[in-house]
Amino acid sequence: MNEVKSDLESRADIERLVDSFYDKVRKDELIGPVFAHVDWPAHLPTMYNFWASMMLGEMSYRGNPFQKHVKLPIGSEHFARWLDLFEETVDAHFSGPRATEIKQRAQSIAGIFQHKMGLLK
């Protein structure tokens, strides 16, 4: 029997998504090594705040995510894999307008970052 999936509705949902997603990132052969240096217990609350600010209007995030990522050894293939994992994780746990919106926002962020990094042709 298929699990009925709810939409992203709360900070707890955001935390569940972020935890599941970054678990996949850490295990991924392509992008896992890029983030191997990350102190995950310290970093995950920042990611909760980022997505809660984006999706729930929490205003709990303070920072410049582009500045952090521009220093990493990443190319278009890393962004594509990041998006694949993100969308796969959203779809595994959630369904609804906000689930669709968070995937669109992730696509937009990836596009902006790649453009700023000169990775888009």
PDB file of N, CA and C in Angstrom:
ATOM      1  N   MET A   1       0.835  -1.179   0.000  1.00  0.00           N
ATOM      2  CA  MET A   1       0.000   0.000   0.000  1.00  0.00           C
ATOM      3  C   MET A   1       0.881   1.245   0.000  1.00  0.00           C
ATOM      4  N   ASN A   2       0.529   2.225  -0.819  1.00  0.00           N
ATOM      5  CA  ASN A   2       1.305   3.449  -0.921  1.00  0.00           C
ATOM      6  C   ASN A   2       1.057   4.369   0.268  1.00  0.00           C
ATOM      7  N   GLU A   3       2.139   4.967   0.744  1.00  0.00           N
ATOM      8  CA  GLU A   3       2.054   5.930   1.834  1.00  0.00           C
ATOM      9  C   GLU A   3       1.444   7.225   1.295  1.00  0.00           C
ATOM     10  N   VAL A   4       0.500   7.781   2.028  1.00  0.00           N
ATOM     11  CA  VAL A   4      -0.058   9.077   1.659  1.00  0.00           C
ATOM     12  C   VAL A   4       0.915  10.135   2.160  1.00  0.00           C
ATOM     13  N   LYS A   5       1.399  10.949   1.237  1.00  0.00           N
ATOM     14  CA  LYS A   5       2.394  11.957   1.586  1.00  0.00           C
ATOM     15  C   LYS A   5       1.709  13.292   1.828  1.00  0.00           C
ATOM     16  N   SER A   6       2.151  13.968   2.869  1.00  0.00           N
ATOM     17  CA  SER A   6       1.636  15.300   3.157  1.00  0.00           C
ATOM     18  C   SER A   6       2.537  16.338   2.495  1.00  0.00           C
ATOM     19  N   ASP A   7       2.074  17.562   2.483  1.00  0.00           N
ATOM     20  CA  ASP A   7       2.869  18.656   1.944  1.00  0.00           C
ATOM     21  C   ASP A   7       3.849  19.132   3.017  1.00  0.00           C
ATOM     22  N   LEU A   8       4.809  19.948   2.625  1.00  0.00           N
ATOM     23  CA  LEU A   8       5.715  20.588   3.577  1.00  0.00           C
ATOM     24  C   LEU A   8       4.919  21.640   4.337  1.00  0.00           C
ATOM     25  N   GLU A   9       4.764  21.451   5.622  1.00  0.00           N
ATOM     26  CA  GLU A   9       3.890  22.349   6.371  1.00  0.00           C
ATOM     27  C   GLU A   9       4.537  22.973   7.599  1.00  0.00           C
ATOM     28  N   SER A  10       5.638  22.426   8.063  1.00  0.00           N
ATOM     29  CA  SER A  10       6.181  22.873   9.347  1.00  0.00           C
ATOM     30  C   SER A  10       7.706  22.812   9.347  1.00  0.00           C
ATOM     31  N   ARG A  11       8.266  23.394  10.380  1.00  0.00           N
ATOM     32  CA  ARG A  11       9.718  23.313  10.553  1.00  0.00           C
ATOM     33  C   ARG A  11      10.152  21.858  10.719  1.00  0.00           C
ATOM     34  N   ALA A  12       9.358  21.058  11.397  1.00  0.00           N
ATOM     35  CA  ALA A  12       9.688  19.637  11.548  1.00  0.00           C
ATOM     36  C   ALA A  12       9.774  18.961  10.182  1.00  0.00           C
ATOM     37  N   ASP A  13       8.899  19.336   9.259  1.00  0.00           N
ATOM     38  CA  ASP A  13       8.965  18.797   7.896  1.00  0.00           C
ATOM     39  C   ASP A  13      10.251  19.228   7.206  1.00  0.00           C
ATOM     40  N   ILE A  14      10.614  20.500   7.365  1.00  0.00           N
ATOM     41  CA  ILE A  14      11.857  21.015   6.778  1.00  0.00           C
ATOM     42  C   ILE A  14      13.047  20.239   7.339  1.00  0.00           C
ATOM     43  N   GLU A  15      13.071  20.035   8.632  1.00  0.00           N
ATOM     44  CA  GLU A  15      14.187  19.317   9.258  1.00  0.00           C
ATOM     45  C   GLU A  15      14.256  17.880   8.758  1.00  0.00           C
ATOM     46  N   ARG A  16      13.123  17.242   8.606  1.00  0.00           N
ATOM     47  CA  ARG A  16      13.088  15.870   8.076  1.00  0.00           C
ATOM     48  C   ARG A  16      13.643  15.829   6.654  1.00  0.00           C
ATOM     49  N   LEU A  17      13.239  16.783   5.843  1.00  0.00           N
ATOM     50  CA  LEU A  17      13.732  16.865   4.468  1.00  0.00           C
ATOM     51  C   LEU A  17      15.237  17.098   4.442  1.00  0.00           C
ATOM     52  N   VAL A  18      15.696  18.082   5.180  1.00  0.00           N
ATOM     53  CA  VAL A  18      17.120  18.428   5.199  1.00  0.00           C
ATOM     54  C   VAL A  18      17.957  17.256   5.710  1.00  0.00           C
ATOM     55  N   ASP A  19      17.531  16.616   6.788  1.00  0.00           N
ATOM     56  CA  ASP A  19      18.280  15.474   7.328  1.00  0.00           C
ATOM     57  C   ASP A  19      18.375  14.342   6.310  1.00  0.00           C
ATOM     58  N   SER A  20      17.266  14.025   5.685  1.00  0.00           N
ATOM     59  CA  SER A  20      17.241  12.936   4.702  1.00  0.00           C
ATOM     60  C   SER A  20      18.089  13.279   3.481  1.00  0.00           C
ATOM     61  N   PHE A  21      17.967  14.515   3.016  1.00  0.00           N
ATOM     62  CA  PHE A  21      18.726  14.956   1.848  1.00  0.00           C
ATOM     63  C   PHE A  21      20.229  14.908   2.112  1.00  0.00           C
ATOM     64  N   TYR A  22      20.669  15.494   3.210  1.00  0.00           N
ATOM     65  CA  TYR A  22      22.109  15.533   3.464  1.00  0.00           C
ATOM     66  C   TYR A  22      22.672  14.169   3.838  1.00  0.00           C
ATOM     67  N   ASP A  23      21.840  13.264   4.297  1.00  0.00           N
ATOM     68  CA  ASP A  23      22.282  11.883   4.473  1.00  0.00           C
ATOM     69  C   ASP A  23      22.655  11.299   3.110  1.00  0.00           C
ATOM     70  N   LYS A  24      21.842  11.584   2.094  1.00  0.00           N
ATOM     71  CA  LYS A  24      22.143  11.123   0.730  1.00  0.00           C
ATOM     72  C   LYS A  24      23.378  11.821   0.174  1.00  0.00           C
ATOM     73  N   VAL A  25      23.492  13.120   0.420  1.00  0.00           N
ATOM     74  CA  VAL A  25      24.646  13.883  -0.064  1.00  0.00           C
ATOM     75  C   VAL A  25      25.937  13.288   0.481  1.00  0.00           C
ATOM     76  N   ARG A  26      25.966  13.013   1.765  1.00  0.00           N
ATOM     77  CA  ARG A  26      27.191  12.486   2.391  1.00  0.00           C
ATOM     78  C   ARG A  26      27.607  11.148   1.799  1.00  0.00           C
ATOM     79  N   LYS A  27      26.636  10.348   1.349  1.00  0.00           N
ATOM     80  CA  LYS A  27      26.925   9.021   0.802  1.00  0.00           C
ATOM     81  C   LYS A  27      27.163   9.027  -0.706  1.00  0.00           C
ATOM     82  N   ASP A  28      26.903  10.143  -1.365  1.00  0.00           N
ATOM     83  CA  ASP A  28      26.987  10.202  -2.817  1.00  0.00           C
ATOM     84  C   ASP A  28      28.445  10.231  -3.288  1.00  0.00           C
ATOM     85  N   GLU A  29      28.747   9.434  -4.301  1.00  0.00           N
ATOM     86  CA  GLU A  29      30.124   9.334  -4.799  1.00  0.00           C
ATOM     87  C   GLU A  29      30.618  10.618  -5.451  1.00  0.00           C
ATOM     88  N   LEU A  30      29.732  11.385  -6.084  1.00  0.00           N
ATOM     89  CA  LEU A  30      30.150  12.606  -6.775  1.00  0.00           C
ATOM     90  C   LEU A  30      30.228  13.802  -5.836  1.00  0.00           C
ATOM     91  N   ILE A  31      29.156  14.070  -5.126  1.00  0.00           N
ATOM     92  CA  ILE A  31      29.161  15.292  -4.313  1.00  0.00           C
ATOM     93  C   ILE A  31      29.521  15.064  -2.846  1.00  0.00           C
ATOM     94  N   GLY A  32      29.483  13.842  -2.393  1.00  0.00           N
ATOM     95  CA  GLY A  32      29.868  13.558  -1.012  1.00  0.00           C
ATOM     96  C   GLY A  32      31.259  14.061  -0.663  1.00  0.00           C
ATOM     97  N   PRO A  33      32.266  13.770  -1.500  1.00  0.00           N
ATOM     98  CA  PRO A  33      33.618  14.230  -1.183  1.00  0.00           C
ATOM     99  C   PRO A  33      33.764  15.755  -1.108  1.00  0.00           C
ATOM    100  N   VAL A  34      32.953  16.482  -1.868  1.00  0.00           N
ATOM    101  CA  VAL A  34      33.015  17.949  -1.850  1.00  0.00           C
ATOM    102  C   VAL A  34      32.652  18.480  -0.465  1.00  0.00           C
ATOM    103  N   PHE A  35      31.754  17.772   0.200  1.00  0.00           N
ATOM    104  CA  PHE A  35      31.264  18.226   1.499  1.00  0.00           C
ATOM    105  C   PHE A  35      31.815  17.400   2.662  1.00  0.00           C
ATOM    106  N   ALA A  36      32.862  16.627   2.415  1.00  0.00           N
ATOM    107  CA  ALA A  36      33.422  15.753   3.451  1.00  0.00           C
ATOM    108  C   ALA A  36      33.970  16.539   4.646  1.00  0.00           C
ATOM    109  N   HIS A  37      34.365  17.774   4.417  1.00  0.00           N
ATOM    110  CA  HIS A  37      34.952  18.603   5.472  1.00  0.00           C
ATOM    111  C   HIS A  37      33.912  19.256   6.387  1.00  0.00           C
ATOM    112  N   VAL A  38      32.642  19.147   6.031  1.00  0.00           N
ATOM    113  CA  VAL A  38      31.581  19.857   6.753  1.00  0.00           C
ATOM    114  C   VAL A  38      31.359  19.259   8.143  1.00  0.00           C
ATOM    115  N   ASP A  39      31.228  20.129   9.121  1.00  0.00           N
ATOM    116  CA  ASP A  39      30.846  19.738  10.480  1.00  0.00           C
ATOM    117  C   ASP A  39      29.317  19.674  10.490  1.00  0.00           C
ATOM    118  N   TRP A  40      28.775  18.497  10.193  1.00  0.00           N
ATOM    119  CA  TRP A  40      27.332  18.353   9.985  1.00  0.00           C
ATOM    120  C   TRP A  40      26.486  18.750  11.184  1.00  0.00           C
ATOM    121  N   PRO A  41      26.835  18.371  12.414  1.00  0.00           N
ATOM    122  CA  PRO A  41      25.999  18.806  13.546  1.00  0.00           C
ATOM    123  C   PRO A  41      25.900  20.336  13.661  1.00  0.00           C
ATOM    124  N   ALA A  42      26.942  21.034  13.260  1.00  0.00           N
ATOM    125  CA  ALA A  42      26.907  22.499  13.293  1.00  0.00           C
ATOM    126  C   ALA A  42      26.211  23.071  12.061  1.00  0.00           C
ATOM    127  N   HIS A  43      26.353  22.397  10.919  1.00  0.00           N
ATOM    128  CA  HIS A  43      25.837  22.927   9.652  1.00  0.00           C
ATOM    129  C   HIS A  43      24.339  22.696   9.458  1.00  0.00           C
ATOM    130  N   LEU A  44      23.834  21.571   9.898  1.00  0.00           N
ATOM    131  CA  LEU A  44      22.425  21.252   9.645  1.00  0.00           C
ATOM    132  C   LEU A  44      21.451  22.298  10.188  1.00  0.00           C
ATOM    133  N   PRO A  45      21.647  22.841  11.392  1.00  0.00           N
ATOM    134  CA  PRO A  45      20.731  23.899  11.846  1.00  0.00           C
ATOM    135  C   PRO A  45      20.726  25.124  10.924  1.00  0.00           C
ATOM    136  N   THR A  46      21.865  25.423  10.314  1.00  0.00           N
ATOM    137  CA  THR A  46      21.915  26.520   9.347  1.00  0.00           C
ATOM    138  C   THR A  46      21.039  26.202   8.146  1.00  0.00           C
ATOM    139  N   MET A  47      21.089  24.956   7.696  1.00  0.00           N
ATOM    140  CA  MET A  47      20.260  24.558   6.556  1.00  0.00           C
ATOM    141  C   MET A  47      18.783  24.521   6.929  1.00  0.00           C
ATOM    142  N   TYR A  48      18.465  24.112   8.142  1.00  0.00           N
ATOM    143  CA  TYR A  48      17.069  24.175   8.593  1.00  0.00           C
ATOM    144  C   TYR A  48      16.580  25.622   8.513  1.00  0.00           C
ATOM    145  N   ASN A  49      17.403  26.537   9.027  1.00  0.00           N
ATOM    146  CA  ASN A  49      17.022  27.950   9.030  1.00  0.00           C
ATOM    147  C   ASN A  49      16.885  28.498   7.615  1.00  0.00           C
ATOM    148  N   PHE A  50      17.793  28.110   6.732  1.00  0.00           N
ATOM    149  CA  PHE A  50      17.730  28.583   5.345  1.00  0.00           C
ATOM    150  C   PHE A  50      16.401  28.187   4.705  1.00  0.00           C
ATOM    151  N   TRP A  51      16.089  26.902   4.744  1.00  0.00           N
ATOM    152  CA  TRP A  51      14.871  26.430   4.077  1.00  0.00           C
ATOM    153  C   TRP A  51      13.612  26.866   4.817  1.00  0.00           C
ATOM    154  N   ALA A  52      13.656  26.969   6.133  1.00  0.00           N
ATOM    155  CA  ALA A  52      12.489  27.465   6.872  1.00  0.00           C
ATOM    156  C   ALA A  52      12.233  28.931   6.540  1.00  0.00           C
ATOM    157  N   SER A  53      13.294  29.697   6.337  1.00  0.00           N
ATOM    158  CA  SER A  53      13.130  31.090   5.915  1.00  0.00           C
ATOM    159  C   SER A  53      12.531  31.168   4.519  1.00  0.00           C
ATOM    160  N   MET A  54      13.028  30.321   3.624  1.00  0.00           N
ATOM    161  CA  MET A  54      12.542  30.318   2.241  1.00  0.00           C
ATOM    162  C   MET A  54      11.093  29.862   2.142  1.00  0.00           C
ATOM    163  N   MET A  55      10.745  28.826   2.872  1.00  0.00           N
ATOM    164  CA  MET A  55       9.449  28.174   2.678  1.00  0.00           C
ATOM    165  C   MET A  55       8.386  28.556   3.706  1.00  0.00           C
ATOM    166  N   LEU A  56       8.813  28.931   4.891  1.00  0.00           N
ATOM    167  CA  LEU A  56       7.845  29.203   5.954  1.00  0.00           C
ATOM    168  C   LEU A  56       7.848  30.667   6.383  1.00  0.00           C
ATOM    169  N   GLY A  57       8.733  31.464   5.775  1.00  0.00           N
ATOM    170  CA  GLY A  57       8.815  32.878   6.117  1.00  0.00           C
ATOM    171  C   GLY A  57       9.381  33.139   7.498  1.00  0.00           C
ATOM    172  N   GLU A  58      10.189  32.217   7.993  1.00  0.00           N
ATOM    173  CA  GLU A  58      10.698  32.316   9.366  1.00  0.00           C
ATOM    174  C   GLU A  58      11.736  33.410   9.587  1.00  0.00           C
ATOM    175  N   MET A  59      12.448  33.847   8.651  1.00  0.00           N
ATOM    176  CA  MET A  59      13.492  34.863   8.841  1.00  0.00           C
ATOM    177  C   MET A  59      14.545  34.432   9.868  1.00  0.00           C
ATOM    178  N   SER A  60      14.806  33.152   9.927  1.00  0.00           N
ATOM    179  CA  SER A  60      15.771  32.620  10.889  1.00  0.00           C
ATOM    180  C   SER A  60      17.160  32.437  10.280  1.00  0.00           C
ATOM    181  N   TYR A  61      17.288  32.631   8.976  1.00  0.00           N
ATOM    182  CA  TYR A  61      18.576  32.432   8.311  1.00  0.00           C
ATOM    183  C   TYR A  61      19.291  33.760   8.135  1.00  0.00           C
ATOM    184  N   ARG A  62      20.554  33.766   8.472  1.00  0.00           N
ATOM    185  CA  ARG A  62      21.432  34.908   8.228  1.00  0.00           C
ATOM    186  C   ARG A  62      22.684  34.354   7.564  1.00  0.00           C
ATOM    187  N   GLY A  63      22.966  34.811   6.378  1.00  0.00           N
ATOM    188  CA  GLY A  63      24.164  34.326   5.721  1.00  0.00           C
ATOM    189  C   GLY A  63      24.145  34.593   4.236  1.00  0.00           C
ATOM    190  N   ASN A  64      25.204  34.174   3.576  1.00  0.00           N
ATOM    191  CA  ASN A  64      25.364  34.338   2.139  1.00  0.00           C
ATOM    192  C   ASN A  64      25.748  32.975   1.564  1.00  0.00           C
ATOM    193  N   PRO A  65      24.759  32.190   1.142  1.00  0.00           N
ATOM    194  CA  PRO A  65      25.072  30.838   0.679  1.00  0.00           C
ATOM    195  C   PRO A  65      25.960  30.811  -0.562  1.00  0.00           C
ATOM    196  N   PHE A  66      25.826  31.791  -1.443  1.00  0.00           N
ATOM    197  CA  PHE A  66      26.669  31.794  -2.634  1.00  0.00           C
ATOM    198  C   PHE A  66      28.137  31.919  -2.249  1.00  0.00           C
ATOM    199  N   GLN A  67      28.428  32.811  -1.338  1.00  0.00           N
ATOM    200  CA  GLN A  67      29.807  33.031  -0.905  1.00  0.00           C
ATOM    201  C   GLN A  67      30.449  31.744  -0.390  1.00  0.00           C
ATOM    202  N   LYS A  68      29.661  30.912   0.278  1.00  0.00           N
ATOM    203  CA  LYS A  68      30.180  29.641   0.796  1.00  0.00           C
ATOM    204  C   LYS A  68      30.451  28.640  -0.331  1.00  0.00           C
ATOM    205  N   HIS A  69      29.579  28.624  -1.343  1.00  0.00           N
ATOM    206  CA  HIS A  69      29.675  27.618  -2.393  1.00  0.00           C
ATOM    207  C   HIS A  69      30.664  27.980  -3.502  1.00  0.00           C
ATOM    208  N   VAL A  70      30.892  29.265  -3.723  1.00  0.00           N
ATOM    209  CA  VAL A  70      31.779  29.674  -4.813  1.00  0.00           C
ATOM    210  C   VAL A  70      33.210  29.175  -4.588  1.00  0.00           C
ATOM    211  N   LYS A  71      33.567  28.922  -3.355  1.00  0.00           N
ATOM    212  CA  LYS A  71      34.919  28.465  -3.013  1.00  0.00           C
ATOM    213  C   LYS A  71      35.105  26.961  -3.209  1.00  0.00           C
ATOM    214  N   LEU A  72      34.011  26.246  -3.418  1.00  0.00           N
ATOM    215  CA  LEU A  72      34.088  24.786  -3.522  1.00  0.00           C
ATOM    216  C   LEU A  72      34.497  24.335  -4.926  1.00  0.00           C
ATOM    217  N   PRO A  73      35.163  23.191  -5.024  1.00  0.00           N
ATOM    218  CA  PRO A  73      35.548  22.649  -6.339  1.00  0.00           C
ATOM    219  C   PRO A  73      34.362  21.934  -6.994  1.00  0.00           C
ATOM    220  N   ILE A  74      33.426  22.724  -7.531  1.00  0.00           N
ATOM    221  CA  ILE A  74      32.212  22.148  -8.108  1.00  0.00           C
ATOM    222  C   ILE A  74      31.976  22.671  -9.517  1.00  0.00           C
ATOM    223  N   GLY A  75      31.336  21.818 -10.311  1.00  0.00           N
ATOM    224  CA  GLY A  75      30.963  22.163 -11.674  1.00  0.00           C
ATOM    225  C   GLY A  75      29.490  21.879 -11.900  1.00  0.00           C
ATOM    226  N   SER A  76      29.070  22.030 -13.128  1.00  0.00           N
ATOM    227  CA  SER A  76      27.660  21.821 -13.472  1.00  0.00           C
ATOM    228  C   SER A  76      27.175  20.427 -13.105  1.00  0.00           C
ATOM    229  N   GLU A  77      28.050  19.434 -13.233  1.00  0.00           N
ATOM    230  CA  GLU A  77      27.650  18.064 -12.912  1.00  0.00           C
ATOM    231  C   GLU A  77      27.318  17.915 -11.421  1.00  0.00           C
ATOM    232  N   HIS A  78      27.986  18.690 -10.576  1.00  0.00           N
ATOM    233  CA  HIS A  78      27.699  18.652  -9.142  1.00  0.00           C
ATOM    234  C   HIS A  78      26.328  19.275  -8.849  1.00  0.00           C
ATOM    235  N   PHE A  79      26.045  20.374  -9.537  1.00  0.00           N
ATOM    236  CA  PHE A  79      24.736  21.002  -9.353  1.00  0.00           C
ATOM    237  C   PHE A  79      23.620  20.080  -9.835  1.00  0.00           C
ATOM    238  N   ALA A  80      23.836  19.409 -10.955  1.00  0.00           N
ATOM    239  CA  ALA A  80      22.825  18.484 -11.482  1.00  0.00           C
ATOM    240  C   ALA A  80      22.571  17.354 -10.490  1.00  0.00           C
ATOM    241  N   ARG A  81      23.635  16.814  -9.921  1.00  0.00           N
ATOM    242  CA  ARG A  81      23.476  15.723  -8.956  1.00  0.00           C
ATOM    243  C   ARG A  81      22.790  16.217  -7.690  1.00  0.00           C
ATOM    244  N   TRP A  82      23.183  17.416  -7.221  1.00  0.00           N
ATOM    245  CA  TRP A  82      22.558  18.018  -6.041  1.00  0.00           C
ATOM    246  C   TRP A  82      21.054  18.151  -6.262  1.00  0.00           C
ATOM    247  N   LEU A  83      20.669  18.665  -7.426  1.00  0.00           N
ATOM    248  CA  LEU A  83      19.241  18.818  -7.735  1.00  0.00           C
ATOM    249  C   LEU A  83      18.529  17.477  -7.811  1.00  0.00           C
ATOM    250  N   ASP A  84      19.160  16.502  -8.455  1.00  0.00           N
ATOM    251  CA  ASP A  84      18.552  15.166  -8.545  1.00  0.00           C
ATOM    252  C   ASP A  84      18.276  14.600  -7.150  1.00  0.00           C
ATOM    253  N   LEU A  85      19.274  14.677  -6.285  1.00  0.00           N
ATOM    254  CA  LEU A  85      19.111  14.156  -4.926  1.00  0.00           C
ATOM    255  C   LEU A  85      18.053  14.935  -4.149  1.00  0.00           C
ATOM    256  N   PHE A  86      18.052  16.250  -4.328  1.00  0.00           N
ATOM    257  CA  PHE A  86      17.090  17.083  -3.613  1.00  0.00           C
ATOM    258  C   PHE A  86      15.663  16.747  -4.036  1.00  0.00           C
ATOM    259  N   GLU A  87      15.439  16.709  -5.345  1.00  0.00           N
ATOM    260  CA  GLU A  87      14.099  16.420  -5.853  1.00  0.00           C
ATOM    261  C   GLU A  87      13.653  15.003  -5.488  1.00  0.00           C
ATOM    262  N   GLU A  88      14.576  14.066  -5.559  1.00  0.00           N
ATOM    263  CA  GLU A  88      14.282  12.681  -5.168  1.00  0.00           C
ATOM    264  C   GLU A  88      13.856  12.612  -3.698  1.00  0.00           C
ATOM    265  N   THR A  89      14.539  13.369  -2.858  1.00  0.00           N
ATOM    266  CA  THR A  89      14.233  13.375  -1.428  1.00  0.00           C
ATOM    267  C   THR A  89      12.883  14.027  -1.157  1.00  0.00           C
ATOM    268  N   VAL A  90      12.631  15.156  -1.806  1.00  0.00           N
ATOM    269  CA  VAL A  90      11.323  15.808  -1.643  1.00  0.00           C
ATOM    270  C   VAL A  90      10.218  14.844  -2.049  1.00  0.00           C
ATOM    271  N   ASP A  91      10.364  14.246  -3.233  1.00  0.00           N
ATOM    272  CA  ASP A  91       9.324  13.351  -3.754  1.00  0.00           C
ATOM    273  C   ASP A  91       9.128  12.103  -2.897  1.00  0.00           C
ATOM    274  N   ALA A  92      10.178  11.661  -2.223  1.00  0.00           N
ATOM    275  CA  ALA A  92      10.071  10.471  -1.374  1.00  0.00           C
ATOM    276  C   ALA A  92       9.244  10.726  -0.116  1.00  0.00           C
ATOM    277  N   HIS A  93       9.214  11.989   0.320  1.00  0.00           N
ATOM    278  CA  HIS A  93       8.579  12.295   1.603  1.00  0.00           C
ATOM    279  C   HIS A  93       7.343  13.183   1.527  1.00  0.00           C
ATOM    280  N   PHE A  94       7.235  13.997   0.467  1.00  0.00           N
ATOM    281  CA  PHE A  94       6.199  15.025   0.450  1.00  0.00           C
ATOM    282  C   PHE A  94       5.518  15.114  -0.906  1.00  0.00           C
ATOM    283  N   SER A  95       4.303  15.646  -0.876  1.00  0.00           N
ATOM    284  CA  SER A  95       3.547  15.879  -2.099  1.00  0.00           C
ATOM    285  C   SER A  95       2.617  17.062  -1.864  1.00  0.00           C
ATOM    286  N   GLY A  96       2.560  17.970  -2.832  1.00  0.00           N
ATOM    287  CA  GLY A  96       1.663  19.113  -2.708  1.00  0.00           C
ATOM    288  C   GLY A  96       2.304  20.376  -3.238  1.00  0.00           C
ATOM    289  N   PRO A  97       1.604  21.489  -3.148  1.00  0.00           N
ATOM    290  CA  PRO A  97       2.101  22.755  -3.695  1.00  0.00           C
ATOM    291  C   PRO A  97       3.430  23.213  -3.104  1.00  0.00           C
ATOM    292  N   ARG A  98       3.603  23.065  -1.812  1.00  0.00           N
ATOM    293  CA  ARG A  98       4.878  23.491  -1.208  1.00  0.00           C
ATOM    294  C   ARG A  98       6.017  22.549  -1.580  1.00  0.00           C
ATOM    295  N   ALA A  99       5.724  21.277  -1.734  1.00  0.00           N
ATOM    296  CA  ALA A  99       6.751  20.337  -2.197  1.00  0.00           C
ATOM    297  C   ALA A  99       7.203  20.729  -3.599  1.00  0.00           C
ATOM    298  N   THR A 100       6.256  21.091  -4.441  1.00  0.00           N
ATOM    299  CA  THR A 100       6.598  21.562  -5.787  1.00  0.00           C
ATOM    300  C   THR A 100       7.383  22.861  -5.709  1.00  0.00           C
ATOM    301  N   GLU A 101       6.954  23.769  -4.851  1.00  0.00           N
ATOM    302  CA  GLU A 101       7.623  25.063  -4.720  1.00  0.00           C
ATOM    303  C   GLU A 101       9.068  24.920  -4.247  1.00  0.00           C
ATOM    304  N   ILE A 102       9.321  24.046  -3.279  1.00  0.00           N
ATOM    305  CA  ILE A 102      10.694  23.922  -2.781  1.00  0.00           C
ATOM    306  C   ILE A 102      11.610  23.357  -3.869  1.00  0.00           C
ATOM    307  N   LYS A 103      11.080  22.477  -4.712  1.00  0.00           N
ATOM    308  CA  LYS A 103      11.888  21.961  -5.829  1.00  0.00           C
ATOM    309  C   LYS A 103      12.167  23.075  -6.831  1.00  0.00           C
ATOM    310  N   GLN A 104      11.183  23.918  -7.092  1.00  0.00           N
ATOM    311  CA  GLN A 104      11.385  25.043  -8.008  1.00  0.00           C
ATOM    312  C   GLN A 104      12.401  26.027  -7.446  1.00  0.00           C
ATOM    313  N   ARG A 105      12.336  26.268  -6.160  1.00  0.00           N
ATOM    314  CA  ARG A 105      13.297  27.184  -5.532  1.00  0.00           C
ATOM    315  C   ARG A 105      14.710  26.608  -5.584  1.00  0.00           C
ATOM    316  N   ALA A 106      14.842  25.316  -5.369  1.00  0.00           N
ATOM    317  CA  ALA A 106      16.159  24.676  -5.467  1.00  0.00           C
ATOM    318  C   ALA A 106      16.703  24.796  -6.889  1.00  0.00           C
ATOM    319  N   GLN A 107      15.843  24.595  -7.885  1.00  0.00           N
ATOM    320  CA  GLN A 107      16.263  24.746  -9.284  1.00  0.00           C
ATOM    321  C   GLN A 107      16.721  26.170  -9.554  1.00  0.00           C
ATOM    322  N   SER A 108      15.985  27.136  -9.046  1.00  0.00           N
ATOM    323  CA  SER A 108      16.333  28.541  -9.227  1.00  0.00           C
ATOM    324  C   SER A 108      17.669  28.874  -8.570  1.00  0.00           C
ATOM    325  N   ILE A 109      17.852  28.420  -7.344  1.00  0.00           N
ATOM    326  CA  ILE A 109      19.109  28.660  -6.627  1.00  0.00           C
ATOM    327  C   ILE A 109      20.276  28.051  -7.389  1.00  0.00           C
ATOM    328  N   ALA A 110      20.124  26.810  -7.837  1.00  0.00           N
ATOM    329  CA  ALA A 110      21.195  26.150  -8.593  1.00  0.00           C
ATOM    330  C   ALA A 110      21.499  26.920  -9.873  1.00  0.00           C
ATOM    331  N   GLY A 111      20.473  27.396 -10.555  1.00  0.00           N
ATOM    332  CA  GLY A 111      20.677  28.165 -11.780  1.00  0.00           C
ATOM    333  C   GLY A 111      21.405  29.471 -11.527  1.00  0.00           C
ATOM    334  N   ILE A 112      21.008  30.179 -10.490  1.00  0.00           N
ATOM    335  CA  ILE A 112      21.658  31.450 -10.147  1.00  0.00           C
ATOM    336  C   ILE A 112      23.118  31.217  -9.771  1.00  0.00           C
ATOM    337  N   PHE A 113      23.379  30.222  -8.936  1.00  0.00           N
ATOM    338  CA  PHE A 113      24.755  29.922  -8.535  1.00  0.00           C
ATOM    339  C   PHE A 113      25.608  29.580  -9.756  1.00  0.00           C
ATOM    340  N   GLN A 114      25.094  28.733 -10.628  1.00  0.00           N
ATOM    341  CA  GLN A 114      25.856  28.338 -11.816  1.00  0.00           C
ATOM    342  C   GLN A 114      26.115  29.537 -12.722  1.00  0.00           C
ATOM    343  N   HIS A 115      25.123  30.394 -12.870  1.00  0.00           N
ATOM    344  CA  HIS A 115      25.298  31.596 -13.689  1.00  0.00           C
ATOM    345  C   HIS A 115      26.396  32.487 -13.100  1.00  0.00           C
ATOM    346  N   LYS A 116      26.326  32.729 -11.799  1.00  0.00           N
ATOM    347  CA  LYS A 116      27.320  33.576 -11.141  1.00  0.00           C
ATOM    348  C   LYS A 116      28.721  32.972 -11.200  1.00  0.00           C
ATOM    349  N   MET A 117      28.791  31.644 -11.239  1.00  0.00           N
ATOM    350  CA  MET A 117      30.087  30.961 -11.281  1.00  0.00           C
ATOM    351  C   MET A 117      30.591  30.769 -12.709  1.00  0.00           C
ATOM    352  N   GLY A 118      29.809  31.216 -13.686  1.00  0.00           N
ATOM    353  CA  GLY A 118      30.207  31.090 -15.084  1.00  0.00           C
ATOM    354  C   GLY A 118      30.112  29.678 -15.616  1.00  0.00           C
ATOM    355  N   LEU A 119      29.236  28.869 -15.042  1.00  0.00           N
ATOM    356  CA  LEU A 119      29.123  27.468 -15.451  1.00  0.00           C
ATOM    357  C   LEU A 119      28.053  27.239 -16.508  1.00  0.00           C
ATOM    358  N   LEU A 120      27.187  28.216 -16.728  1.00  0.00           N
ATOM    359  CA  LEU A 120      26.130  28.066 -17.732  1.00  0.00           C
ATOM    360  C   LEU A 120      26.598  28.633 -19.058  1.00  0.00           C
ATOM    361  N   LYS A 121      26.238  27.922 -20.119  1.00  0.00           N
ATOM    362  CA  LYS A 121      26.651  28.379 -21.451  1.00  0.00           C
ATOM    363  C   LYS A 121      25.510  29.079 -22.132  1.00  0.00           C
TER     364      LYS A 121
END
